[in-house]
Amino acid sequence: MNLTVSTHKIPGYGPTLRTAKQLAPQAVRLVERAVPGRMPDVELILTDPRGLAELGTAADAELAGVLDRRTRSRIERAALRLARDASGRAVPRANGSVLVLVNVDQHRTPAHFAVTLVHELVHAMQFSRKNVAEQVGRDARAQFGVERQSRRQARAFARLVEQHEQEAYGHEYLADQLIPGATASAAA
């Protein structure tokens, strides 16, 4: 399991990067012990909403196998609207690793960051489970218009996403072991 932490187009966030480099290995160990599955290689990137949309769309396009620039830009515009309110995002990659994107504009304190980090690392563990990465790839291909998805498959994927979100929210308490009181301050 490799863990890399970096920034994308956000100059002046040195203290945030240092905090991320300090908390990330600890969070990986906590999540590995608490969540079933195998922790894949993780690339953690701290970015702003535009970078979140840009990198997330690029990772989805790579997973879906899309090269059409017009389709990518359309999806990126939609992703930018959602990224303004998103704290983070985890995206599986074709090589089996996971890209974790964290929106630094949404994190005012290290406690908020710890909660988001744990949440997204739980998603990274979930991607290692049987057929999950394939379902995410199929949904990405459907979003890009590469391959049609039946209604049954779309509903099954929506249920899977909801289950994964509930599980990730349920494991956010692990952030308290990184920074005491993190979940209480994040809820406020």
N, C-alpha and C. Protein backbone atom coordinates (compact mmCIF):
# COMPACT_ATOMS: atom_id res chain seq x y z
N MET A 1 0.84 -1.17 0.00
CA MET A 1 0.00 0.00 0.00
C MET A 1 0.89 1.24 0.00
N ASN A 2 0.79 2.02 -1.05
CA ASN A 2 1.52 3.28 -1.17
C ASN A 2 0.57 4.43 -0.87
N LEU A 3 1.06 5.43 -0.20
CA LEU A 3 0.28 6.63 0.09
C LEU A 3 1.11 7.84 -0.32
N THR A 4 0.57 8.63 -1.24
CA THR A 4 1.23 9.87 -1.63
C THR A 4 0.29 11.03 -1.34
N VAL A 5 0.84 12.11 -0.83
CA VAL A 5 0.06 13.30 -0.49
C VAL A 5 0.67 14.47 -1.24
N SER A 6 -0.19 15.22 -1.95
CA SER A 6 0.30 16.38 -2.70
C SER A 6 -0.81 17.41 -2.82
N THR A 7 -0.47 18.54 -3.45
CA THR A 7 -1.46 19.59 -3.70
C THR A 7 -1.60 19.78 -5.20
N HIS A 8 -2.69 20.43 -5.60
CA HIS A 8 -2.94 20.71 -7.01
C HIS A 8 -3.47 22.13 -7.14
N LYS A 9 -2.66 23.01 -7.70
CA LYS A 9 -3.05 24.39 -8.00
C LYS A 9 -3.56 25.16 -6.79
N ILE A 10 -2.92 24.97 -5.64
CA ILE A 10 -3.28 25.77 -4.46
C ILE A 10 -2.01 26.26 -3.77
N PRO A 11 -1.42 27.33 -4.27
CA PRO A 11 -0.22 27.85 -3.62
C PRO A 11 -0.57 28.44 -2.25
N GLY A 12 0.37 28.36 -1.33
CA GLY A 12 0.18 28.96 -0.02
C GLY A 12 -0.50 28.07 1.00
N TYR A 13 -0.63 26.79 0.72
CA TYR A 13 -1.26 25.87 1.66
C TYR A 13 -0.25 24.92 2.28
N GLY A 14 0.95 25.41 2.56
CA GLY A 14 2.00 24.58 3.16
C GLY A 14 1.61 23.96 4.49
N PRO A 15 1.05 24.75 5.43
CA PRO A 15 0.65 24.15 6.71
C PRO A 15 -0.42 23.07 6.55
N THR A 16 -1.34 23.27 5.61
CA THR A 16 -2.37 22.27 5.36
C THR A 16 -1.75 20.99 4.81
N LEU A 17 -0.79 21.13 3.92
CA LEU A 17 -0.10 19.97 3.36
C LEU A 17 0.66 19.22 4.45
N ARG A 18 1.33 19.95 5.34
CA ARG A 18 2.04 19.29 6.44
C ARG A 18 1.08 18.54 7.35
N THR A 19 -0.07 19.15 7.64
CA THR A 19 -1.08 18.47 8.46
C THR A 19 -1.56 17.21 7.76
N ALA A 20 -1.79 17.29 6.46
CA ALA A 20 -2.26 16.13 5.70
C ALA A 20 -1.21 15.02 5.72
N LYS A 21 0.05 15.38 5.54
CA LYS A 21 1.11 14.37 5.55
C LYS A 21 1.27 13.73 6.92
N GLN A 22 0.94 14.46 7.96
CA GLN A 22 1.01 13.92 9.31
C GLN A 22 -0.18 13.01 9.62
N LEU A 23 -1.38 13.42 9.22
CA LEU A 23 -2.59 12.67 9.57
C LEU A 23 -2.86 11.48 8.66
N ALA A 24 -2.48 11.56 7.39
CA ALA A 24 -2.85 10.53 6.42
C ALA A 24 -2.36 9.13 6.79
N PRO A 25 -1.08 8.91 7.13
CA PRO A 25 -0.67 7.54 7.47
C PRO A 25 -1.39 6.99 8.70
N GLN A 26 -1.65 7.85 9.68
CA GLN A 26 -2.38 7.41 10.87
C GLN A 26 -3.81 7.03 10.50
N ALA A 27 -4.44 7.83 9.65
CA ALA A 27 -5.81 7.55 9.24
C ALA A 27 -5.88 6.25 8.44
N VAL A 28 -4.90 6.00 7.60
CA VAL A 28 -4.87 4.76 6.82
C VAL A 28 -4.82 3.55 7.75
N ARG A 29 -3.97 3.62 8.77
CA ARG A 29 -3.87 2.50 9.72
C ARG A 29 -5.19 2.28 10.46
N LEU A 30 -5.84 3.36 10.89
CA LEU A 30 -7.11 3.23 11.60
C LEU A 30 -8.19 2.61 10.72
N VAL A 31 -8.28 3.10 9.49
CA VAL A 31 -9.32 2.62 8.57
C VAL A 31 -9.05 1.18 8.17
N GLU A 32 -7.79 0.82 7.96
CA GLU A 32 -7.45 -0.57 7.60
C GLU A 32 -7.91 -1.55 8.67
N ARG A 33 -7.78 -1.15 9.93
CA ARG A 33 -8.18 -2.05 11.01
C ARG A 33 -9.69 -2.12 11.18
N ALA A 34 -10.41 -1.05 10.87
CA ALA A 34 -11.83 -0.98 11.18
C ALA A 34 -12.76 -1.39 10.04
N VAL A 35 -12.29 -1.31 8.80
CA VAL A 35 -13.17 -1.52 7.65
C VAL A 35 -12.74 -2.78 6.91
N PRO A 36 -13.70 -3.65 6.57
CA PRO A 36 -13.33 -4.84 5.80
C PRO A 36 -12.89 -4.46 4.38
N GLY A 37 -11.93 -5.19 3.88
CA GLY A 37 -11.40 -4.93 2.55
C GLY A 37 -9.90 -4.75 2.63
N ARG A 38 -9.32 -4.38 1.50
CA ARG A 38 -7.87 -4.18 1.40
C ARG A 38 -7.63 -2.74 0.97
N MET A 39 -6.71 -2.09 1.65
CA MET A 39 -6.40 -0.70 1.30
C MET A 39 -5.54 -0.69 0.03
N PRO A 40 -6.06 -0.11 -1.06
CA PRO A 40 -5.26 -0.02 -2.29
C PRO A 40 -4.24 1.11 -2.17
N ASP A 41 -3.43 1.28 -3.20
CA ASP A 41 -2.54 2.44 -3.25
C ASP A 41 -3.42 3.69 -3.32
N VAL A 42 -3.07 4.69 -2.53
CA VAL A 42 -3.89 5.89 -2.43
C VAL A 42 -3.04 7.11 -2.78
N GLU A 43 -3.59 7.94 -3.66
CA GLU A 43 -2.99 9.24 -3.95
C GLU A 43 -3.94 10.30 -3.41
N LEU A 44 -3.51 11.01 -2.39
CA LEU A 44 -4.31 12.04 -1.74
C LEU A 44 -3.87 13.39 -2.28
N ILE A 45 -4.81 14.12 -2.87
CA ILE A 45 -4.50 15.42 -3.45
C ILE A 45 -5.39 16.48 -2.81
N LEU A 46 -4.76 17.51 -2.28
CA LEU A 46 -5.47 18.65 -1.71
C LEU A 46 -5.64 19.67 -2.83
N THR A 47 -6.87 20.14 -3.01
CA THR A 47 -7.13 21.05 -4.12
C THR A 47 -8.32 21.95 -3.80
N ASP A 48 -8.66 22.82 -4.73
CA ASP A 48 -9.81 23.71 -4.59
C ASP A 48 -10.98 23.11 -5.38
N PRO A 49 -12.16 23.75 -5.36
CA PRO A 49 -13.31 23.16 -6.08
C PRO A 49 -13.05 22.93 -7.57
N ARG A 50 -12.37 23.86 -8.22
CA ARG A 50 -12.09 23.69 -9.65
C ARG A 50 -11.18 22.48 -9.87
N GLY A 51 -10.16 22.33 -9.05
CA GLY A 51 -9.27 21.18 -9.15
C GLY A 51 -9.98 19.88 -8.83
N LEU A 52 -10.91 19.94 -7.87
CA LEU A 52 -11.69 18.75 -7.52
C LEU A 52 -12.49 18.27 -8.73
N ALA A 53 -13.13 19.22 -9.42
CA ALA A 53 -13.91 18.87 -10.61
C ALA A 53 -13.00 18.39 -11.74
N GLU A 54 -11.90 19.11 -11.95
CA GLU A 54 -10.98 18.79 -13.04
C GLU A 54 -10.34 17.42 -12.87
N LEU A 55 -9.75 17.17 -11.69
CA LEU A 55 -9.08 15.89 -11.45
C LEU A 55 -10.06 14.74 -11.34
N GLY A 56 -11.22 14.99 -10.72
CA GLY A 56 -12.24 13.94 -10.61
C GLY A 56 -12.77 13.52 -11.96
N THR A 57 -13.03 14.50 -12.82
CA THR A 57 -13.51 14.19 -14.17
C THR A 57 -12.45 13.47 -14.98
N ALA A 58 -11.20 13.89 -14.84
CA ALA A 58 -10.11 13.22 -15.56
C ALA A 58 -9.98 11.76 -15.12
N ALA A 59 -10.11 11.51 -13.82
CA ALA A 59 -10.03 10.13 -13.32
C ALA A 59 -11.22 9.31 -13.79
N ASP A 60 -12.41 9.91 -13.78
CA ASP A 60 -13.60 9.21 -14.29
C ASP A 60 -13.45 8.90 -15.78
N ALA A 61 -12.94 9.86 -16.54
CA ALA A 61 -12.76 9.66 -17.98
C ALA A 61 -11.75 8.55 -18.24
N GLU A 62 -10.69 8.50 -17.45
CA GLU A 62 -9.70 7.43 -17.58
C GLU A 62 -10.34 6.08 -17.29
N LEU A 63 -11.17 6.04 -16.25
CA LEU A 63 -11.85 4.80 -15.88
C LEU A 63 -12.83 4.37 -16.96
N ALA A 64 -13.52 5.35 -17.55
CA ALA A 64 -14.52 5.04 -18.58
C ALA A 64 -13.89 4.85 -19.96
N GLY A 65 -12.67 5.31 -20.14
CA GLY A 65 -12.02 5.19 -21.44
C GLY A 65 -12.48 6.23 -22.43
N VAL A 66 -12.79 7.44 -21.96
CA VAL A 66 -13.31 8.50 -22.81
C VAL A 66 -12.19 9.44 -23.23
N LEU A 67 -12.15 9.74 -24.52
CA LEU A 67 -11.16 10.68 -25.03
C LEU A 67 -11.81 11.93 -25.63
N ASP A 68 -13.11 11.92 -25.77
CA ASP A 68 -13.83 13.03 -26.40
C ASP A 68 -13.78 14.27 -25.50
N ARG A 69 -13.19 15.33 -26.01
CA ARG A 69 -12.99 16.55 -25.22
C ARG A 69 -14.33 17.23 -24.89
N ARG A 70 -15.26 17.22 -25.80
CA ARG A 70 -16.55 17.89 -25.58
C ARG A 70 -17.32 17.22 -24.45
N THR A 71 -17.35 15.91 -24.45
CA THR A 71 -18.04 15.18 -23.39
C THR A 71 -17.37 15.42 -22.05
N ARG A 72 -16.06 15.40 -22.03
CA ARG A 72 -15.32 15.63 -20.78
C ARG A 72 -15.59 17.03 -20.24
N SER A 73 -15.62 18.03 -21.09
CA SER A 73 -15.84 19.39 -20.61
C SER A 73 -17.27 19.57 -20.10
N ARG A 74 -18.24 18.90 -20.73
CA ARG A 74 -19.63 18.96 -20.26
C ARG A 74 -19.74 18.35 -18.87
N ILE A 75 -19.14 17.19 -18.68
CA ILE A 75 -19.17 16.52 -17.38
C ILE A 75 -18.40 17.35 -16.35
N GLU A 76 -17.30 17.96 -16.76
CA GLU A 76 -16.51 18.78 -15.83
C GLU A 76 -17.29 20.00 -15.35
N ARG A 77 -18.07 20.62 -16.24
CA ARG A 77 -18.89 21.76 -15.82
C ARG A 77 -19.93 21.33 -14.79
N ALA A 78 -20.55 20.18 -15.01
CA ALA A 78 -21.52 19.67 -14.03
C ALA A 78 -20.83 19.32 -12.72
N ALA A 79 -19.64 18.76 -12.81
CA ALA A 79 -18.89 18.39 -11.60
C ALA A 79 -18.46 19.63 -10.83
N LEU A 80 -18.17 20.72 -11.52
CA LEU A 80 -17.76 21.95 -10.85
C LEU A 80 -18.90 22.51 -10.00
N ARG A 81 -20.12 22.41 -10.51
CA ARG A 81 -21.26 22.88 -9.72
C ARG A 81 -21.40 22.09 -8.43
N LEU A 82 -21.16 20.79 -8.49
CA LEU A 82 -21.25 19.94 -7.30
C LEU A 82 -20.03 20.11 -6.39
N ALA A 83 -18.87 20.38 -6.97
CA ALA A 83 -17.62 20.44 -6.20
C ALA A 83 -17.57 21.63 -5.26
N ARG A 84 -18.33 22.66 -5.54
CA ARG A 84 -18.29 23.84 -4.66
C ARG A 84 -18.75 23.50 -3.25
N ASP A 85 -19.65 22.53 -3.12
CA ASP A 85 -20.17 22.14 -1.81
C ASP A 85 -19.57 20.85 -1.29
N ALA A 86 -18.78 20.17 -2.09
CA ALA A 86 -18.23 18.86 -1.69
C ALA A 86 -16.98 19.04 -0.84
N SER A 87 -16.84 18.19 0.17
CA SER A 87 -15.65 18.21 1.02
C SER A 87 -14.54 17.36 0.43
N GLY A 88 -14.92 16.30 -0.25
CA GLY A 88 -13.92 15.41 -0.83
C GLY A 88 -14.56 14.41 -1.77
N ARG A 89 -13.70 13.64 -2.40
CA ARG A 89 -14.18 12.65 -3.36
C ARG A 89 -13.12 11.56 -3.52
N ALA A 90 -13.57 10.33 -3.61
CA ALA A 90 -12.67 9.21 -3.87
C ALA A 90 -13.06 8.60 -5.21
N VAL A 91 -12.07 8.35 -6.06
CA VAL A 91 -12.32 7.81 -7.40
C VAL A 91 -11.38 6.63 -7.63
N PRO A 92 -11.93 5.45 -7.97
CA PRO A 92 -11.04 4.33 -8.30
C PRO A 92 -10.37 4.58 -9.64
N ARG A 93 -9.20 4.03 -9.80
CA ARG A 93 -8.47 4.17 -11.06
C ARG A 93 -8.40 2.83 -11.75
N ALA A 94 -8.10 2.87 -13.03
CA ALA A 94 -8.04 1.64 -13.83
C ALA A 94 -6.94 0.70 -13.36
N ASN A 95 -5.86 1.24 -12.77
CA ASN A 95 -4.75 0.40 -12.33
C ASN A 95 -4.96 -0.19 -10.94
N GLY A 96 -6.12 0.04 -10.34
CA GLY A 96 -6.43 -0.53 -9.03
C GLY A 96 -6.16 0.40 -7.87
N SER A 97 -5.53 1.53 -8.12
CA SER A 97 -5.29 2.49 -7.04
C SER A 97 -6.52 3.39 -6.89
N VAL A 98 -6.48 4.27 -5.90
CA VAL A 98 -7.60 5.17 -5.64
C VAL A 98 -7.07 6.60 -5.55
N LEU A 99 -7.78 7.51 -6.18
CA LEU A 99 -7.47 8.93 -6.11
C LEU A 99 -8.42 9.55 -5.10
N VAL A 100 -7.88 10.14 -4.03
CA VAL A 100 -8.69 10.82 -3.03
C VAL A 100 -8.44 12.31 -3.17
N LEU A 101 -9.50 13.05 -3.47
CA LEU A 101 -9.41 14.49 -3.65
C LEU A 101 -10.08 15.17 -2.45
N VAL A 102 -9.42 16.16 -1.88
CA VAL A 102 -9.96 16.87 -0.73
C VAL A 102 -10.02 18.36 -1.07
N ASN A 103 -11.20 18.94 -0.90
CA ASN A 103 -11.43 20.36 -1.17
C ASN A 103 -10.99 21.15 0.07
N VAL A 104 -9.85 21.84 -0.01
CA VAL A 104 -9.32 22.55 1.15
C VAL A 104 -10.19 23.74 1.55
N ASP A 105 -10.99 24.26 0.64
CA ASP A 105 -11.86 25.39 0.97
C ASP A 105 -12.96 25.01 1.96
N GLN A 106 -13.27 23.73 2.06
CA GLN A 106 -14.32 23.26 2.96
C GLN A 106 -13.80 22.92 4.35
N HIS A 107 -12.49 22.99 4.56
CA HIS A 107 -11.91 22.54 5.83
C HIS A 107 -11.22 23.69 6.54
N ARG A 108 -11.89 24.21 7.55
CA ARG A 108 -11.34 25.34 8.30
C ARG A 108 -10.37 24.89 9.39
N THR A 109 -10.54 23.67 9.90
CA THR A 109 -9.69 23.18 10.99
C THR A 109 -9.16 21.79 10.65
N PRO A 110 -8.09 21.36 11.30
CA PRO A 110 -7.61 19.99 11.10
C PRO A 110 -8.66 18.94 11.49
N ALA A 111 -9.55 19.27 12.42
CA ALA A 111 -10.59 18.32 12.82
C ALA A 111 -11.54 18.03 11.66
N HIS A 112 -11.95 19.08 10.95
CA HIS A 112 -12.81 18.88 9.77
C HIS A 112 -12.09 18.04 8.72
N PHE A 113 -10.81 18.35 8.54
CA PHE A 113 -10.01 17.60 7.57
C PHE A 113 -9.91 16.13 7.95
N ALA A 114 -9.72 15.84 9.24
CA ALA A 114 -9.59 14.45 9.70
C ALA A 114 -10.86 13.66 9.42
N VAL A 115 -12.01 14.27 9.65
CA VAL A 115 -13.28 13.58 9.40
C VAL A 115 -13.43 13.26 7.91
N THR A 116 -13.13 14.23 7.05
CA THR A 116 -13.23 14.00 5.60
C THR A 116 -12.22 12.94 5.15
N LEU A 117 -11.02 13.00 5.68
CA LEU A 117 -9.98 12.04 5.31
C LEU A 117 -10.41 10.62 5.65
N VAL A 118 -10.93 10.41 6.85
CA VAL A 118 -11.39 9.08 7.25
C VAL A 118 -12.54 8.64 6.35
N HIS A 119 -13.48 9.53 6.08
CA HIS A 119 -14.63 9.21 5.22
C HIS A 119 -14.17 8.74 3.84
N GLU A 120 -13.26 9.48 3.24
CA GLU A 120 -12.80 9.13 1.89
C GLU A 120 -11.93 7.88 1.88
N LEU A 121 -11.17 7.64 2.94
CA LEU A 121 -10.37 6.41 3.01
C LEU A 121 -11.27 5.19 3.18
N VAL A 122 -12.41 5.34 3.85
CA VAL A 122 -13.37 4.24 3.91
C VAL A 122 -13.86 3.91 2.51
N HIS A 123 -14.13 4.94 1.71
CA HIS A 123 -14.53 4.69 0.32
C HIS A 123 -13.41 3.98 -0.45
N ALA A 124 -12.17 4.35 -0.20
CA ALA A 124 -11.05 3.68 -0.87
C ALA A 124 -11.04 2.20 -0.54
N MET A 125 -11.30 1.86 0.71
CA MET A 125 -11.37 0.44 1.10
C MET A 125 -12.53 -0.26 0.40
N GLN A 126 -13.65 0.44 0.26
CA GLN A 126 -14.82 -0.16 -0.37
C GLN A 126 -14.55 -0.49 -1.84
N PHE A 127 -13.74 0.30 -2.51
CA PHE A 127 -13.45 0.05 -3.91
C PHE A 127 -12.68 -1.25 -4.11
N SER A 128 -12.03 -1.75 -3.07
CA SER A 128 -11.27 -2.99 -3.21
C SER A 128 -12.16 -4.23 -3.11
N ARG A 129 -13.41 -4.04 -2.75
CA ARG A 129 -14.32 -5.17 -2.61
C ARG A 129 -14.75 -5.70 -3.97
N LYS A 130 -15.24 -6.92 -3.96
CA LYS A 130 -15.59 -7.61 -5.20
C LYS A 130 -16.64 -6.84 -6.00
N ASN A 131 -16.38 -6.62 -7.26
CA ASN A 131 -17.27 -6.01 -8.25
C ASN A 131 -17.57 -4.53 -8.03
N VAL A 132 -17.07 -3.90 -6.99
CA VAL A 132 -17.40 -2.50 -6.74
C VAL A 132 -16.74 -1.60 -7.78
N ALA A 133 -15.46 -1.78 -8.04
CA ALA A 133 -14.77 -0.95 -9.03
C ALA A 133 -15.39 -1.13 -10.42
N GLU A 134 -15.82 -2.35 -10.74
CA GLU A 134 -16.46 -2.59 -12.03
C GLU A 134 -17.78 -1.84 -12.13
N GLN A 135 -18.55 -1.82 -11.03
CA GLN A 135 -19.82 -1.10 -11.05
C GLN A 135 -19.59 0.41 -11.17
N VAL A 136 -18.58 0.92 -10.50
CA VAL A 136 -18.26 2.34 -10.60
C VAL A 136 -17.83 2.67 -12.03
N GLY A 137 -17.03 1.81 -12.62
CA GLY A 137 -16.61 2.01 -14.01
C GLY A 137 -17.78 1.97 -14.98
N ARG A 138 -18.70 1.05 -14.76
CA ARG A 138 -19.88 0.96 -15.62
C ARG A 138 -20.73 2.23 -15.51
N ASP A 139 -20.88 2.74 -14.28
CA ASP A 139 -21.65 3.97 -14.09
C ASP A 139 -20.93 5.16 -14.74
N ALA A 140 -19.61 5.20 -14.65
CA ALA A 140 -18.85 6.28 -15.30
C ALA A 140 -19.03 6.22 -16.82
N ARG A 141 -18.99 5.02 -17.38
CA ARG A 141 -19.20 4.89 -18.82
C ARG A 141 -20.61 5.34 -19.21
N ALA A 142 -21.59 5.07 -18.35
CA ALA A 142 -22.96 5.51 -18.62
C ALA A 142 -23.05 7.04 -18.54
N GLN A 143 -22.39 7.65 -17.58
CA GLN A 143 -22.41 9.11 -17.46
C GLN A 143 -21.77 9.78 -18.67
N PHE A 144 -20.72 9.19 -19.20
CA PHE A 144 -20.04 9.75 -20.36
C PHE A 144 -20.72 9.37 -21.67
N GLY A 145 -21.72 8.52 -21.61
CA GLY A 145 -22.43 8.13 -22.82
C GLY A 145 -21.71 7.09 -23.65
N VAL A 146 -20.76 6.39 -23.06
CA VAL A 146 -20.00 5.37 -23.78
C VAL A 146 -20.80 4.09 -23.86
N GLU A 147 -21.49 3.76 -22.81
CA GLU A 147 -22.21 2.49 -22.72
C GLU A 147 -23.51 2.73 -21.96
N ARG A 148 -24.59 2.17 -22.47
CA ARG A 148 -25.87 2.34 -21.78
C ARG A 148 -25.94 1.42 -20.58
N GLN A 149 -26.67 1.88 -19.59
CA GLN A 149 -26.85 1.11 -18.38
C GLN A 149 -28.35 0.89 -18.21
N SER A 150 -28.76 -0.32 -17.88
CA SER A 150 -30.18 -0.58 -17.69
C SER A 150 -30.68 0.12 -16.43
N ARG A 151 -31.98 0.29 -16.33
CA ARG A 151 -32.55 0.92 -15.13
C ARG A 151 -32.25 0.10 -13.89
N ARG A 152 -32.28 -1.20 -14.06
CA ARG A 152 -31.99 -2.09 -12.93
C ARG A 152 -30.55 -1.88 -12.45
N GLN A 153 -29.62 -1.79 -13.39
CA GLN A 153 -28.23 -1.56 -13.02
C GLN A 153 -28.06 -0.19 -12.36
N ALA A 154 -28.75 0.82 -12.88
CA ALA A 154 -28.66 2.16 -12.31
C ALA A 154 -29.21 2.19 -10.89
N ARG A 155 -30.33 1.51 -10.66
CA ARG A 155 -30.91 1.45 -9.30
C ARG A 155 -29.99 0.68 -8.36
N ALA A 156 -29.42 -0.41 -8.85
CA ALA A 156 -28.50 -1.20 -8.02
C ALA A 156 -27.28 -0.37 -7.65
N PHE A 157 -26.78 0.42 -8.59
CA PHE A 157 -25.63 1.27 -8.30
C PHE A 157 -26.00 2.36 -7.30
N ALA A 158 -27.19 2.95 -7.44
CA ALA A 158 -27.63 3.97 -6.49
C ALA A 158 -27.76 3.40 -5.08
N ARG A 159 -28.26 2.16 -4.98
CA ARG A 159 -28.34 1.50 -3.66
C ARG A 159 -26.95 1.26 -3.10
N LEU A 160 -26.04 0.82 -3.95
CA LEU A 160 -24.67 0.57 -3.52
C LEU A 160 -24.02 1.86 -3.00
N VAL A 161 -24.21 2.96 -3.71
CA VAL A 161 -23.64 4.24 -3.29
C VAL A 161 -24.23 4.64 -1.94
N GLU A 162 -25.52 4.47 -1.77
CA GLU A 162 -26.17 4.82 -0.50
C GLU A 162 -25.63 3.97 0.64
N GLN A 163 -25.46 2.67 0.41
CA GLN A 163 -24.90 1.79 1.44
C GLN A 163 -23.48 2.20 1.79
N HIS A 164 -22.69 2.53 0.78
CA HIS A 164 -21.31 2.93 1.02
C HIS A 164 -21.24 4.25 1.78
N GLU A 165 -22.12 5.18 1.45
CA GLU A 165 -22.14 6.45 2.18
C GLU A 165 -22.51 6.23 3.64
N GLN A 166 -23.51 5.39 3.88
CA GLN A 166 -23.90 5.11 5.27
C GLN A 166 -22.75 4.47 6.04
N GLU A 167 -22.04 3.55 5.40
CA GLU A 167 -20.91 2.91 6.06
C GLU A 167 -19.80 3.92 6.34
N ALA A 168 -19.53 4.80 5.37
CA ALA A 168 -18.48 5.80 5.56
C ALA A 168 -18.84 6.79 6.67
N TYR A 169 -20.11 7.22 6.70
CA TYR A 169 -20.53 8.10 7.78
C TYR A 169 -20.44 7.38 9.13
N GLY A 170 -20.74 6.10 9.13
CA GLY A 170 -20.67 5.31 10.35
C GLY A 170 -19.27 5.14 10.89
N HIS A 171 -18.26 5.27 10.05
CA HIS A 171 -16.87 5.11 10.49
C HIS A 171 -16.16 6.45 10.74
N GLU A 172 -16.87 7.55 10.61
CA GLU A 172 -16.24 8.86 10.83
C GLU A 172 -15.79 9.04 12.28
N TYR A 173 -16.33 8.25 13.19
CA TYR A 173 -15.91 8.34 14.60
C TYR A 173 -14.41 8.06 14.74
N LEU A 174 -13.81 7.37 13.77
CA LEU A 174 -12.38 7.08 13.83
C LEU A 174 -11.54 8.36 13.81
N ALA A 175 -12.10 9.44 13.28
CA ALA A 175 -11.37 10.71 13.26
C ALA A 175 -11.09 11.21 14.67
N ASP A 176 -11.91 10.80 15.64
CA ASP A 176 -11.66 11.20 17.03
C ASP A 176 -10.35 10.62 17.55
N GLN A 177 -9.90 9.52 16.98
CA GLN A 177 -8.63 8.94 17.40
C GLN A 177 -7.45 9.69 16.79
N LEU A 178 -7.69 10.40 15.69
CA LEU A 178 -6.65 11.23 15.09
C LEU A 178 -6.56 12.57 15.81
N ILE A 179 -7.70 13.22 15.95
CA ILE A 179 -7.80 14.50 16.64
C ILE A 179 -8.98 14.40 17.60
N PRO A 180 -8.72 14.37 18.90
CA PRO A 180 -9.81 14.23 19.87
C PRO A 180 -10.87 15.32 19.69
N GLY A 181 -12.12 14.88 19.64
CA GLY A 181 -13.23 15.81 19.46
C GLY A 181 -13.48 16.22 18.02
N ALA A 182 -12.88 15.52 17.07
CA ALA A 182 -13.00 15.90 15.66
C ALA A 182 -14.43 15.81 15.16
N THR A 183 -15.14 14.74 15.50
CA THR A 183 -16.50 14.60 14.99
C THR A 183 -17.43 15.61 15.63
N ALA A 184 -17.19 15.97 16.88
CA ALA A 184 -18.02 16.97 17.54
C ALA A 184 -17.82 18.35 16.91
N SER A 185 -16.57 18.70 16.61
CA SER A 185 -16.31 20.01 16.01
C SER A 185 -16.72 20.05 14.54
N ALA A 186 -16.68 18.91 13.86
CA ALA A 186 -17.08 18.88 12.46
C ALA A 186 -18.59 19.01 12.33
N ALA A 187 -19.33 18.50 13.32
CA ALA A 187 -20.79 18.58 13.27
C ALA A 187 -21.27 19.99 13.57
N ALA A 188 -20.48 20.76 14.27
CA ALA A 188 -20.89 22.12 14.67
C ALA A 188 -20.83 23.10 13.52
